Amino acid sequence: MEFAVRYVNGPLQGTGAITVPDAAGEEPPLLQRIPLPNQGHGLQRTVSDAVGGQQHAVYERTGFNEPSGEWEFSLVRVE
């Protein structure tokens, strides 16, 4: 099942879509942990690469915008 989504803030701000198995239900997940593109430079990228981690944005579902038919998600944190 595919859902239209809007990320209201953070690095992924804008619209998109997510797909979940049909057995997952009629609503998208409450939380999403989404890998971010590795665009860091200098020390930030070096430290990130050293610990072997890619940054992830954690978004929480905050509501449904009926006129647009989009589920809205807000940034909780970047890890």
N, C-alpha and C. Protein backbone atom coordinates (compact mmCIF):
# COMPACT_ATOMS: atom_id res chain seq x y z
N MET A 1 0.85 -1.16 0.00
CA MET A 1 0.00 0.00 0.00
C MET A 1 0.91 1.24 0.00
N GLU A 2 0.53 2.23 -0.78
CA GLU A 2 1.33 3.46 -0.88
C GLU A 2 0.57 4.62 -0.24
N PHE A 3 1.32 5.47 0.47
CA PHE A 3 0.75 6.64 1.13
C PHE A 3 1.45 7.90 0.64
N ALA A 4 0.67 8.94 0.36
CA ALA A 4 1.23 10.26 0.06
C ALA A 4 1.61 10.89 1.40
N VAL A 5 2.82 11.44 1.47
CA VAL A 5 3.31 12.02 2.73
C VAL A 5 3.87 13.41 2.48
N ARG A 6 3.89 14.20 3.55
CA ARG A 6 4.53 15.51 3.54
C ARG A 6 5.41 15.59 4.78
N TYR A 7 6.69 15.85 4.56
CA TYR A 7 7.63 16.08 5.66
C TYR A 7 7.62 17.59 5.89
N VAL A 8 7.08 18.01 7.04
CA VAL A 8 6.82 19.43 7.26
C VAL A 8 8.06 20.23 7.65
N ASN A 9 9.14 19.54 8.03
CA ASN A 9 10.36 20.25 8.41
C ASN A 9 11.55 19.31 8.27
N GLY A 10 12.72 19.81 8.56
CA GLY A 10 13.92 18.98 8.54
C GLY A 10 14.52 18.80 7.16
N PRO A 11 15.52 17.91 7.07
CA PRO A 11 16.28 17.76 5.83
C PRO A 11 15.48 17.18 4.67
N LEU A 12 14.38 16.52 4.93
CA LEU A 12 13.58 15.93 3.85
C LEU A 12 12.31 16.72 3.56
N GLN A 13 12.27 17.96 4.00
CA GLN A 13 11.06 18.78 3.88
C GLN A 13 10.51 18.74 2.46
N GLY A 14 9.21 18.48 2.36
CA GLY A 14 8.55 18.42 1.07
C GLY A 14 7.62 17.22 1.00
N THR A 15 7.20 16.89 -0.21
CA THR A 15 6.25 15.80 -0.39
C THR A 15 6.94 14.56 -0.91
N GLY A 16 6.28 13.45 -0.73
CA GLY A 16 6.82 12.19 -1.21
C GLY A 16 5.79 11.09 -1.06
N ALA A 17 6.25 9.87 -1.10
CA ALA A 17 5.37 8.72 -0.93
C ALA A 17 6.15 7.62 -0.23
N ILE A 18 5.46 6.83 0.57
CA ILE A 18 6.07 5.66 1.19
C ILE A 18 5.20 4.45 0.86
N THR A 19 5.84 3.32 0.77
CA THR A 19 5.15 2.07 0.48
C THR A 19 5.37 1.10 1.63
N VAL A 20 4.30 0.50 2.09
CA VAL A 20 4.37 -0.50 3.16
C VAL A 20 3.60 -1.74 2.70
N PRO A 21 3.89 -2.90 3.31
CA PRO A 21 3.14 -4.10 2.94
C PRO A 21 1.64 -3.92 3.19
N ASP A 22 0.81 -4.54 2.38
CA ASP A 22 -0.64 -4.41 2.53
C ASP A 22 -1.11 -4.83 3.92
N ALA A 23 -0.42 -5.78 4.53
CA ALA A 23 -0.80 -6.27 5.86
C ALA A 23 -0.48 -5.26 6.97
N ALA A 24 0.19 -4.17 6.64
CA ALA A 24 0.59 -3.19 7.66
C ALA A 24 -0.57 -2.33 8.14
N GLY A 25 -1.67 -2.33 7.43
CA GLY A 25 -2.82 -1.55 7.87
C GLY A 25 -3.14 -0.39 6.97
N GLU A 26 -4.08 0.43 7.45
CA GLU A 26 -4.60 1.55 6.65
C GLU A 26 -3.89 2.87 6.91
N GLU A 27 -2.87 2.85 7.78
CA GLU A 27 -2.13 4.08 8.09
C GLU A 27 -0.64 3.79 7.98
N PRO A 28 0.14 4.82 7.64
CA PRO A 28 1.59 4.64 7.60
C PRO A 28 2.13 4.49 9.02
N PRO A 29 3.38 4.06 9.18
CA PRO A 29 3.95 3.87 10.52
C PRO A 29 4.00 5.18 11.31
N LEU A 30 3.97 5.05 12.65
CA LEU A 30 4.05 6.23 13.51
C LEU A 30 5.41 6.90 13.42
N LEU A 31 6.47 6.11 13.29
CA LEU A 31 7.83 6.64 13.19
C LEU A 31 8.49 6.11 11.93
N GLN A 32 9.33 6.95 11.35
CA GLN A 32 10.14 6.54 10.20
C GLN A 32 11.58 6.92 10.49
N ARG A 33 12.50 6.01 10.22
CA ARG A 33 13.94 6.27 10.34
C ARG A 33 14.50 6.17 8.92
N ILE A 34 14.89 7.33 8.38
CA ILE A 34 15.23 7.42 6.96
C ILE A 34 16.70 7.80 6.80
N PRO A 35 17.48 6.99 6.06
CA PRO A 35 18.89 7.36 5.84
C PRO A 35 19.00 8.65 5.03
N LEU A 36 19.94 9.49 5.42
CA LEU A 36 20.17 10.74 4.70
C LEU A 36 21.36 10.57 3.76
N PRO A 37 21.34 11.26 2.65
CA PRO A 37 22.49 11.22 1.75
C PRO A 37 23.72 11.73 2.48
N ASN A 38 24.87 11.12 2.22
CA ASN A 38 26.11 11.53 2.88
C ASN A 38 26.71 12.71 2.12
N GLN A 39 26.40 13.93 2.58
CA GLN A 39 26.89 15.13 1.90
C GLN A 39 27.83 15.93 2.79
N GLY A 40 28.24 15.33 3.92
CA GLY A 40 29.11 16.05 4.84
C GLY A 40 30.48 16.31 4.25
N HIS A 41 31.16 17.30 4.77
CA HIS A 41 32.50 17.63 4.31
C HIS A 41 33.39 17.80 5.52
N GLY A 42 34.67 17.66 5.32
CA GLY A 42 35.64 17.95 6.36
C GLY A 42 35.51 17.05 7.58
N LEU A 43 35.62 17.66 8.75
CA LEU A 43 35.63 16.92 10.01
C LEU A 43 34.34 16.16 10.23
N GLN A 44 33.20 16.77 9.93
CA GLN A 44 31.92 16.09 10.16
C GLN A 44 31.87 14.77 9.40
N ARG A 45 32.25 14.78 8.15
CA ARG A 45 32.23 13.55 7.36
C ARG A 45 33.27 12.56 7.86
N THR A 46 34.45 13.04 8.22
CA THR A 46 35.51 12.16 8.71
C THR A 46 35.06 11.44 9.97
N VAL A 47 34.46 12.16 10.91
CA VAL A 47 34.00 11.55 12.15
C VAL A 47 32.88 10.56 11.85
N SER A 48 31.96 10.92 11.01
CA SER A 48 30.85 10.03 10.64
C SER A 48 31.38 8.76 10.00
N ASP A 49 32.33 8.89 9.07
CA ASP A 49 32.90 7.72 8.40
C ASP A 49 33.68 6.86 9.38
N ALA A 50 34.34 7.50 10.35
CA ALA A 50 35.16 6.75 11.31
C ALA A 50 34.31 5.83 12.17
N VAL A 51 33.14 6.26 12.54
CA VAL A 51 32.27 5.42 13.36
C VAL A 51 31.40 4.52 12.50
N GLY A 52 31.53 4.63 11.19
CA GLY A 52 30.82 3.75 10.28
C GLY A 52 29.34 4.03 10.15
N GLY A 53 28.93 5.19 10.61
CA GLY A 53 27.50 5.46 10.60
C GLY A 53 27.09 6.48 9.57
N GLN A 54 25.94 6.23 9.00
CA GLN A 54 25.32 7.20 8.11
C GLN A 54 24.26 7.92 8.94
N GLN A 55 24.07 9.19 8.70
CA GLN A 55 23.04 9.92 9.45
C GLN A 55 21.65 9.47 9.01
N HIS A 56 20.73 9.48 9.98
CA HIS A 56 19.34 9.13 9.72
C HIS A 56 18.45 10.22 10.30
N ALA A 57 17.37 10.51 9.60
CA ALA A 57 16.35 11.41 10.12
C ALA A 57 15.22 10.55 10.69
N VAL A 58 14.79 10.89 11.89
CA VAL A 58 13.67 10.19 12.51
C VAL A 58 12.47 11.12 12.47
N TYR A 59 11.42 10.69 11.79
CA TYR A 59 10.20 11.48 11.64
C TYR A 59 9.04 10.79 12.33
N GLU A 60 8.17 11.61 12.93
CA GLU A 60 6.97 11.10 13.61
C GLU A 60 5.73 11.55 12.85
N ARG A 61 4.77 10.62 12.70
CA ARG A 61 3.52 10.97 12.04
C ARG A 61 2.73 11.90 12.95
N THR A 62 2.33 13.06 12.42
CA THR A 62 1.64 14.05 13.25
C THR A 62 0.20 14.27 12.85
N GLY A 63 -0.22 13.76 11.70
CA GLY A 63 -1.62 13.94 11.33
C GLY A 63 -1.87 13.64 9.88
N PHE A 64 -3.13 13.85 9.49
CA PHE A 64 -3.55 13.62 8.11
C PHE A 64 -4.18 14.90 7.59
N ASN A 65 -3.69 15.39 6.46
CA ASN A 65 -4.23 16.58 5.83
C ASN A 65 -5.26 16.12 4.81
N GLU A 66 -6.53 16.20 5.20
CA GLU A 66 -7.60 15.67 4.35
C GLU A 66 -7.71 16.34 2.98
N PRO A 67 -7.63 17.69 2.90
CA PRO A 67 -7.75 18.31 1.57
C PRO A 67 -6.69 17.83 0.58
N SER A 68 -5.46 17.62 1.05
CA SER A 68 -4.39 17.19 0.13
C SER A 68 -4.26 15.67 0.07
N GLY A 69 -4.85 14.96 1.05
CA GLY A 69 -4.73 13.51 1.08
C GLY A 69 -3.36 13.03 1.49
N GLU A 70 -2.62 13.87 2.23
CA GLU A 70 -1.26 13.54 2.63
C GLU A 70 -1.16 13.31 4.14
N TRP A 71 -0.38 12.32 4.52
CA TRP A 71 -0.02 12.12 5.92
C TRP A 71 1.16 13.04 6.22
N GLU A 72 1.11 13.74 7.35
CA GLU A 72 2.17 14.69 7.69
C GLU A 72 3.10 14.09 8.75
N PHE A 73 4.38 14.34 8.55
CA PHE A 73 5.42 13.86 9.47
C PHE A 73 6.30 15.04 9.87
N SER A 74 6.69 15.08 11.15
CA SER A 74 7.58 16.12 11.66
C SER A 74 8.87 15.48 12.14
N LEU A 75 9.97 16.20 11.96
CA LEU A 75 11.28 15.73 12.37
C LEU A 75 11.35 15.63 13.89
N VAL A 76 11.80 14.48 14.39
CA VAL A 76 12.03 14.30 15.81
C VAL A 76 13.51 14.57 16.11
N ARG A 77 14.39 13.95 15.33
CA ARG A 77 15.84 14.14 15.53
C ARG A 77 16.61 13.61 14.33
N VAL A 78 17.87 14.00 14.26
CA VAL A 78 18.80 13.43 13.29
C VAL A 78 19.85 12.67 14.10
N GLU A 79 20.07 11.41 13.76
CA GLU A 79 21.04 10.58 14.50
C GLU A 79 22.23 10.30 13.64
